[in-house]
Amino acid sequence: MRVVVGMSGGVDSSVAALLMKRAGHEVIGVFMKNWEEKDENGVCTSERDWADARSVCEKLDIPYYSVNFAKQYRERVFEHFLQEYRRGRTPNPDVLCNREIKFDVFLNFAEQLGAEKLVTGHFANIDMRGGEYRLLRAKDENKDQTYFLYMLGQRALSKALFPVGDLTKAEIREIARRAGLPVSEKKDSTGVCFIGERNFKQFLSGFLPAQPGDMVTPEGRVVGRHDGLMYYTLGQRRGLGIGGGGNGQRWFVVRKDLANNRLVVSQGEDDMLYSPRAEGTDLTWLAGHPPVQEGETLRCQVRLRHRQPLQGCRLTLRGDRALMEFDAPQRAVTPGQSAVFYSDRVCLGGAIIDVNNVE
């Protein structure tokens, strides 16, 4: 079987390519370039990653290509990212990138190369039950990436392979070491995919004009100034620049008052930080249809951020919206982020958090 492996230059995708070759498949490595700007040090990290990907492909003796999807990425992911920040929300571009770029634009490219499957180094699994493909959580729960893949549909799942889904990170590195892959000790990338590890505030200010305003307590008392609501997220405690005083506890962001351009902060873990229920929109179901009918309630689990332990939840569909009632109040439920639903190991789909405290 001919397969295209999305080579990121990291150890996970490198081992995925190795495993596919060992299984006897015809393997083609392809490196995607989705972002063209350099960081504040004048370095384009994708150039280093491309060099690593080439080294691995040469070690594995497989053909390799580089493709540039920067235009599509900017139009289909980055513009949405900026639009969400303009609305005072905190988006997750990695989720949209998987649907719009990796498993759409890139998948189409792989098929043009004659590939039957698109292989990536994602920590996830796929099976089929009752004629439908299912997305399953990875063996390494700490690395599980189904949260970022919930927007995929049946076509993408039918074409995807995740060879490292049943491996732990330690096992992946050991396989890479034994095979002599040059990236066996390369550290994992962090941060938003196109921003990387550069200064996020500095990056965002280059695209959106900041509008400074007051930091206020829930009672309306001014305690400082913020640099622009887009730079802050719910539950944040670092970088607020507020001195001591009051009860001596740390300050936290508890709300954004968009109408008045005010950042609401509180000392200590204020009840305002916790939501017993929330509402989501932009529903996506991996099976192509919802798990329950409108008005019915489903007992499931939900993950409100990557690596968060699964939380018990009652999910009720209301038209194009989903009401989530949590077994325990959830901290810093953030509009713009994804709420991803599970039935044990099976990822059902998800929604974009719209309202974080529904009456």
Protein backbone atom coordinates (compact mmCIF):
# COMPACT_ATOMS: atom_id res chain seq x y z
CA MET A 1 0.00 0.00 0.00
CA ARG A 2 1.27 3.45 -0.88
CA VAL A 3 1.07 5.90 2.02
CA VAL A 4 2.05 9.52 2.53
CA VAL A 5 3.47 10.37 5.94
CA GLY A 6 3.15 13.93 7.19
CA MET A 7 6.73 14.54 8.34
CA SER A 8 6.92 17.34 10.92
CA GLY A 9 10.59 16.89 11.72
CA GLY A 10 9.68 15.49 15.14
CA VAL A 11 10.17 12.06 16.62
CA ASP A 12 6.49 10.99 16.50
CA SER A 13 6.01 11.37 12.75
CA SER A 14 9.49 9.97 12.14
CA VAL A 15 8.67 6.76 14.01
CA ALA A 16 5.31 6.62 12.22
CA ALA A 17 7.19 6.59 8.91
CA LEU A 18 9.61 3.96 10.22
CA LEU A 19 6.79 1.68 11.35
CA MET A 20 4.98 1.97 8.02
CA LYS A 21 8.15 1.06 6.11
CA ARG A 22 8.80 -1.90 8.42
CA ALA A 23 5.25 -3.07 7.71
CA GLY A 24 6.15 -3.28 4.03
CA HIS A 25 4.30 -0.25 2.70
CA GLU A 26 5.51 2.13 0.01
CA VAL A 27 6.23 5.25 2.06
CA ILE A 28 6.50 8.84 0.82
CA GLY A 29 7.46 11.58 3.29
CA VAL A 30 5.93 15.02 2.88
CA PHE A 31 6.76 18.09 4.95
CA MET A 32 4.11 20.82 5.16
CA LYS A 33 5.05 24.47 5.44
CA ASN A 34 2.05 26.42 6.73
CA TRP A 35 3.70 29.58 8.00
CA GLU A 36 6.38 31.72 6.35
CA GLU A 37 7.30 34.43 8.83
CA LYS A 38 10.40 34.34 10.97
CA ASP A 39 10.44 34.75 14.74
CA GLU A 40 11.83 37.74 16.63
CA ASN A 41 15.34 36.31 16.27
CA GLY A 42 15.05 36.16 12.50
CA VAL A 43 14.78 32.38 12.53
CA CYS A 44 12.15 30.35 10.67
CA THR A 45 11.70 27.25 12.81
CA SER A 46 10.16 25.40 9.87
CA GLU A 47 13.56 25.49 8.16
CA ARG A 48 15.09 23.52 11.04
CA ASP A 49 12.15 21.11 11.06
CA TRP A 50 12.42 20.62 7.30
CA ALA A 51 16.12 19.81 7.68
CA ASP A 52 15.28 17.23 10.36
CA ALA A 53 12.54 15.71 8.21
CA ARG A 54 14.95 15.39 5.27
CA SER A 55 17.53 13.70 7.49
CA VAL A 56 15.00 11.15 8.71
CA CYS A 57 13.71 10.40 5.21
CA GLU A 58 17.25 9.91 3.95
CA LYS A 59 17.99 7.61 6.89
CA LEU A 60 14.85 5.59 6.06
CA ASP A 61 15.66 5.71 2.34
CA ILE A 62 12.23 7.00 1.35
CA PRO A 63 11.38 9.75 -1.16
CA TYR A 64 10.35 13.09 0.31
CA TYR A 65 8.77 16.36 -0.71
CA SER A 66 8.01 19.74 0.79
CA VAL A 67 4.68 21.48 0.11
CA ASN A 68 3.68 25.03 0.94
CA PHE A 69 0.13 25.54 2.20
CA ALA A 70 0.78 28.96 3.77
CA LYS A 71 -1.86 30.68 1.60
CA GLN A 72 -4.55 28.15 2.49
CA TYR A 73 -3.54 28.24 6.14
CA ARG A 74 -3.81 32.00 6.32
CA GLU A 75 -7.22 32.04 4.63
CA ARG A 76 -8.81 29.07 6.38
CA VAL A 77 -7.20 29.06 9.83
CA PHE A 78 -5.33 32.25 10.68
CA GLU A 79 -8.07 34.68 9.61
CA HIS A 80 -10.51 32.79 11.85
CA PHE A 81 -7.93 32.95 14.64
CA LEU A 82 -7.75 36.76 14.36
CA GLN A 83 -11.53 37.09 14.09
CA GLU A 84 -12.00 35.19 17.34
CA TYR A 85 -9.49 37.38 19.17
CA ARG A 86 -11.30 40.47 17.90
CA ARG A 87 -14.41 39.06 19.60
CA GLY A 88 -12.54 38.73 22.89
CA ARG A 89 -12.45 34.93 22.67
CA THR A 90 -9.55 32.47 22.92
CA PRO A 91 -9.49 30.22 19.83
CA ASN A 92 -7.67 26.94 19.28
CA PRO A 93 -6.18 27.08 15.76
CA ASP A 94 -4.64 23.60 16.00
CA VAL A 95 -8.14 22.06 15.94
CA LEU A 96 -9.09 23.97 12.80
CA CYS A 97 -5.72 23.23 11.18
CA ASN A 98 -6.37 19.50 11.42
CA ARG A 99 -9.73 19.79 9.68
CA GLU A 100 -8.94 22.47 7.12
CA ILE A 101 -5.30 21.78 6.25
CA LYS A 102 -3.94 18.39 7.32
CA PHE A 103 -7.02 16.32 6.61
CA ASP A 104 -8.36 18.32 3.69
CA VAL A 105 -5.77 20.24 1.64
CA PHE A 106 -2.93 17.89 2.60
CA LEU A 107 -5.09 14.79 2.25
CA ASN A 108 -6.06 15.85 -1.27
CA PHE A 109 -2.37 16.31 -2.09
CA ALA A 110 -1.56 12.84 -0.73
CA GLU A 111 -4.26 11.33 -2.94
CA GLN A 112 -2.77 13.11 -5.96
CA LEU A 113 0.45 11.23 -5.19
CA GLY A 114 -1.54 8.00 -5.36
CA ALA A 115 -1.61 7.39 -1.61
CA GLU A 116 -4.31 5.19 -0.12
CA LYS A 117 -3.70 6.48 3.38
CA LEU A 118 -2.42 9.65 5.06
CA VAL A 119 -0.20 8.80 8.02
CA THR A 120 0.60 11.20 10.86
CA GLY A 121 2.27 11.00 14.26
CA HIS A 122 -0.87 11.88 16.20
CA PHE A 123 -1.50 10.11 19.49
CA ALA A 124 -4.90 8.62 18.65
CA ASN A 125 -6.46 5.45 17.26
CA ILE A 126 -9.14 4.56 14.72
CA ASP A 127 -11.44 1.56 14.47
CA MET A 128 -14.73 0.73 12.77
CA ARG A 129 -17.98 -0.27 14.45
CA GLY A 130 -21.36 -0.70 12.78
CA GLY A 131 -20.08 0.60 9.45
CA GLU A 132 -18.74 3.82 10.99
CA TYR A 133 -15.17 4.83 11.68
CA ARG A 134 -14.50 5.81 15.29
CA LEU A 135 -11.77 7.99 16.80
CA LEU A 136 -10.32 6.45 19.96
CA ARG A 137 -8.15 7.85 22.72
CA ALA A 138 -4.46 6.94 22.65
CA LYS A 139 -2.71 4.49 24.96
CA ASP A 140 -0.60 7.33 26.43
CA GLU A 141 -3.34 9.40 28.07
CA ASN A 142 -0.93 12.23 28.84
CA LYS A 143 -0.19 12.59 25.12
CA ASP A 144 -3.66 11.82 23.74
CA GLN A 145 -4.49 14.20 20.85
CA THR A 146 -8.08 13.29 20.09
CA TYR A 147 -9.00 16.70 21.54
CA PHE A 148 -7.38 18.28 18.47
CA LEU A 149 -8.93 15.81 16.02
CA TYR A 150 -12.62 15.99 16.92
CA MET A 151 -13.51 18.05 13.83
CA LEU A 152 -12.56 15.25 11.45
CA GLY A 153 -15.33 13.47 9.60
CA GLN A 154 -15.82 9.99 8.22
CA ARG A 155 -13.88 10.67 5.00
CA ALA A 156 -10.80 11.84 6.93
CA LEU A 157 -10.99 8.91 9.37
CA SER A 158 -11.30 6.46 6.48
CA LYS A 159 -8.05 7.78 5.01
CA ALA A 160 -6.04 8.36 8.19
CA LEU A 161 -3.55 6.09 9.95
CA PHE A 162 -2.03 6.82 13.36
CA PRO A 163 0.72 4.20 13.87
CA VAL A 164 1.96 5.56 17.22
CA GLY A 165 -1.48 5.61 18.87
CA ASP A 166 -0.75 2.48 20.89
CA LEU A 167 2.71 3.58 22.00
CA THR A 168 3.89 5.72 24.89
CA LYS A 169 6.28 8.60 24.31
CA ALA A 170 9.07 6.65 26.00
CA GLU A 171 8.48 3.70 23.67
CA ILE A 172 8.56 6.00 20.63
CA ARG A 173 11.89 7.50 21.65
CA GLU A 174 13.34 4.05 22.28
CA ILE A 175 12.26 2.86 18.81
CA ALA A 176 13.85 5.98 17.30
CA ARG A 177 17.09 5.46 19.24
CA ARG A 178 17.42 1.83 18.21
CA ALA A 179 16.79 2.76 14.58
CA GLY A 180 19.39 5.52 14.74
CA LEU A 181 16.96 8.26 13.80
CA PRO A 182 18.58 11.71 14.22
CA VAL A 183 15.53 13.15 16.00
CA SER A 184 15.27 10.53 18.76
CA GLU A 185 16.09 13.09 21.48
CA LYS A 186 14.47 16.14 19.86
CA LYS A 187 12.19 17.88 22.33
CA ASP A 188 8.49 18.25 21.68
CA SER A 189 7.28 21.49 20.16
CA THR A 190 5.11 23.70 22.34
CA GLY A 191 2.76 26.60 21.81
CA VAL A 192 0.37 27.38 18.99
CA CYS A 193 1.41 25.66 15.76
CA PHE A 194 2.35 28.76 13.74
CA ILE A 195 3.56 30.90 16.65
CA GLY A 196 5.80 28.26 18.20
CA GLU A 197 7.69 29.38 21.27
CA ARG A 198 7.99 33.06 20.41
CA ASN A 199 6.46 35.83 22.54
CA PHE A 200 2.71 35.48 22.00
CA LYS A 201 1.85 39.04 23.05
CA GLN A 202 4.42 40.52 20.70
CA PHE A 203 3.23 38.28 17.86
CA LEU A 204 -0.45 39.14 18.27
CA SER A 205 0.20 42.88 18.53
CA GLY A 206 1.61 42.77 15.00
CA PHE A 207 -1.83 41.84 13.64
CA LEU A 208 -4.40 43.38 15.97
CA PRO A 209 -4.33 46.88 17.49
CA ALA A 210 -4.33 46.75 21.26
CA GLN A 211 -6.92 48.74 23.23
CA PRO A 212 -5.71 49.24 26.82
CA GLY A 213 -8.27 49.68 29.57
CA ASP A 214 -9.00 49.27 33.25
CA MET A 215 -8.59 46.19 35.38
CA VAL A 216 -11.44 46.13 37.86
CA THR A 217 -12.69 43.94 40.69
CA PRO A 218 -16.13 42.29 40.35
CA GLU A 219 -17.46 45.25 42.37
CA GLY A 220 -16.05 47.72 39.84
CA ARG A 221 -13.03 49.03 41.78
CA VAL A 222 -10.12 49.90 39.48
CA VAL A 223 -6.95 48.04 40.51
CA GLY A 224 -4.77 48.42 37.43
CA ARG A 225 -4.57 48.70 33.66
CA HIS A 226 -4.63 45.98 31.02
CA ASP A 227 -2.79 46.10 27.69
CA GLY A 228 -5.72 44.81 25.63
CA LEU A 229 -8.34 42.19 26.40
CA MET A 230 -7.02 39.91 23.65
CA TYR A 231 -3.85 39.28 25.62
CA TYR A 232 -5.62 37.65 28.56
CA THR A 233 -7.56 34.47 29.17
CA LEU A 234 -9.85 33.29 31.95
CA GLY A 235 -8.05 31.90 34.97
CA GLN A 236 -4.79 33.68 34.09
CA ARG A 237 -2.75 34.84 37.07
CA ARG A 238 0.65 35.66 35.61
CA GLY A 239 1.53 38.88 33.89
CA LEU A 240 -1.27 40.96 35.42
CA GLY A 241 1.13 43.44 37.02
CA ILE A 242 -1.07 44.04 40.06
CA GLY A 243 0.63 44.53 43.40
CA GLY A 244 -0.36 43.07 46.73
CA GLY A 245 -2.93 44.51 49.07
CA GLY A 246 -6.42 43.28 49.77
CA ASN A 247 -6.40 39.80 51.22
CA GLY A 248 -2.87 39.09 50.01
CA GLN A 249 -3.93 36.33 47.62
CA ARG A 250 -3.00 36.11 43.93
CA TRP A 251 -5.09 37.91 41.35
CA PHE A 252 -6.91 35.96 38.65
CA VAL A 253 -8.75 36.96 35.48
CA VAL A 254 -12.41 36.01 36.01
CA ARG A 255 -14.21 37.80 33.17
CA LYS A 256 -13.83 40.07 30.14
CA ASP A 257 -16.21 43.03 29.96
CA LEU A 258 -16.09 43.62 26.22
CA ALA A 259 -18.72 46.35 26.16
CA ASN A 260 -16.67 48.54 28.48
CA ASN A 261 -13.20 47.20 27.60
CA ARG A 262 -12.57 46.17 31.20
CA LEU A 263 -10.72 43.14 32.51
CA VAL A 264 -12.42 41.78 35.64
CA VAL A 265 -9.98 40.31 38.17
CA SER A 266 -10.36 38.87 41.61
CA GLN A 267 -8.09 37.82 44.45
CA GLY A 268 -8.14 34.09 45.11
CA GLU A 269 -10.12 31.35 43.39
CA ASP A 270 -13.33 33.33 43.04
CA ASP A 271 -16.60 31.48 42.41
CA MET A 272 -16.85 33.48 39.17
CA LEU A 273 -14.06 31.27 37.81
CA TYR A 274 -16.20 28.15 38.08
CA SER A 275 -19.08 27.13 35.82
CA PRO A 276 -21.62 24.43 36.68
CA ARG A 277 -22.82 24.47 33.08
CA ALA A 278 -21.93 25.94 29.70
CA GLU A 279 -23.25 26.17 26.17
CA GLY A 280 -21.49 25.39 22.92
CA THR A 281 -22.13 25.97 19.24
CA ASP A 282 -20.56 24.88 15.92
CA LEU A 283 -21.25 21.23 16.76
CA THR A 284 -19.19 18.57 15.00
CA TRP A 285 -19.80 14.82 15.21
CA LEU A 286 -17.22 12.29 14.02
CA ALA A 287 -19.95 9.85 13.01
CA GLY A 288 -21.56 12.52 10.83
CA HIS A 289 -24.65 12.65 13.03
CA PRO A 290 -25.31 13.49 16.74
CA PRO A 291 -25.28 10.68 19.31
CA VAL A 292 -28.74 11.68 20.60
CA GLN A 293 -31.84 13.37 19.24
CA GLU A 294 -32.60 17.02 19.92
CA GLY A 295 -33.93 17.50 23.43
CA GLU A 296 -32.54 14.19 24.68
CA THR A 297 -29.81 14.06 27.29
CA LEU A 298 -26.64 11.97 27.00
CA ARG A 299 -24.41 10.96 29.89
CA CYS A 300 -20.85 11.36 28.66
CA GLN A 301 -17.46 12.79 29.51
CA VAL A 302 -16.07 16.11 28.35
CA ARG A 303 -12.62 17.63 28.02
CA LEU A 304 -12.49 21.43 28.04
CA ARG A 305 -8.78 21.74 27.33
CA HIS A 306 -5.98 19.49 26.12
CA ARG A 307 -4.72 17.05 28.78
CA GLN A 308 -7.53 17.86 31.18
CA PRO A 309 -8.79 14.68 32.87
CA LEU A 310 -12.18 13.67 31.49
CA GLN A 311 -15.08 15.27 33.37
CA GLY A 312 -18.57 13.83 33.86
CA CYS A 313 -21.22 15.71 31.92
CA ARG A 314 -24.89 15.69 30.90
CA LEU A 315 -25.17 16.78 27.27
CA THR A 316 -28.45 18.08 25.83
CA LEU A 317 -28.84 19.22 22.22
CA ARG A 318 -30.89 22.34 21.53
CA GLY A 319 -30.98 22.93 17.80
CA ASP A 320 -27.49 23.93 16.73
CA ARG A 321 -26.36 24.37 20.35
CA ALA A 322 -25.27 21.99 23.09
CA LEU A 323 -25.99 22.46 26.79
CA MET A 324 -23.33 20.95 29.06
CA GLU A 325 -24.16 20.33 32.71
CA PHE A 326 -21.01 19.30 34.56
CA ASP A 327 -20.93 16.82 37.44
CA ALA A 328 -18.65 19.29 39.22
CA PRO A 329 -18.21 23.02 38.46
CA GLN A 330 -15.39 23.55 35.96
CA ARG A 331 -12.66 26.15 36.29
CA ALA A 332 -11.99 28.79 33.61
CA VAL A 333 -14.40 27.52 30.94
CA THR A 334 -13.21 29.73 28.10
CA PRO A 335 -15.33 30.96 25.16
CA GLY A 336 -13.65 30.14 21.86
CA GLN A 337 -12.05 26.97 23.16
CA SER A 338 -13.33 23.50 22.32
CA ALA A 339 -15.43 21.21 24.48
CA VAL A 340 -14.81 17.66 23.27
CA PHE A 341 -17.19 14.83 24.19
CA TYR A 342 -16.32 11.20 24.91
CA SER A 343 -17.98 7.92 25.66
CA ASP A 344 -15.12 6.22 27.50
CA ARG A 345 -12.42 5.62 24.84
CA VAL A 346 -14.53 6.88 21.93
CA CYS A 347 -14.34 10.54 20.91
CA LEU A 348 -17.85 11.55 19.84
CA GLY A 349 -17.22 15.08 18.62
CA GLY A 350 -17.31 18.52 20.13
CA ALA A 351 -18.43 22.13 20.18
CA ILE A 352 -16.97 25.60 20.48
CA ILE A 353 -17.67 27.04 23.93
CA ASP A 354 -19.90 30.08 23.51
CA VAL A 355 -21.38 30.82 26.94
CA ASN A 356 -19.52 29.69 30.04
CA ASN A 357 -22.26 30.04 32.63
CA VAL A 358 -25.80 29.30 31.52
CA GLU A 359 -28.68 29.98 33.87
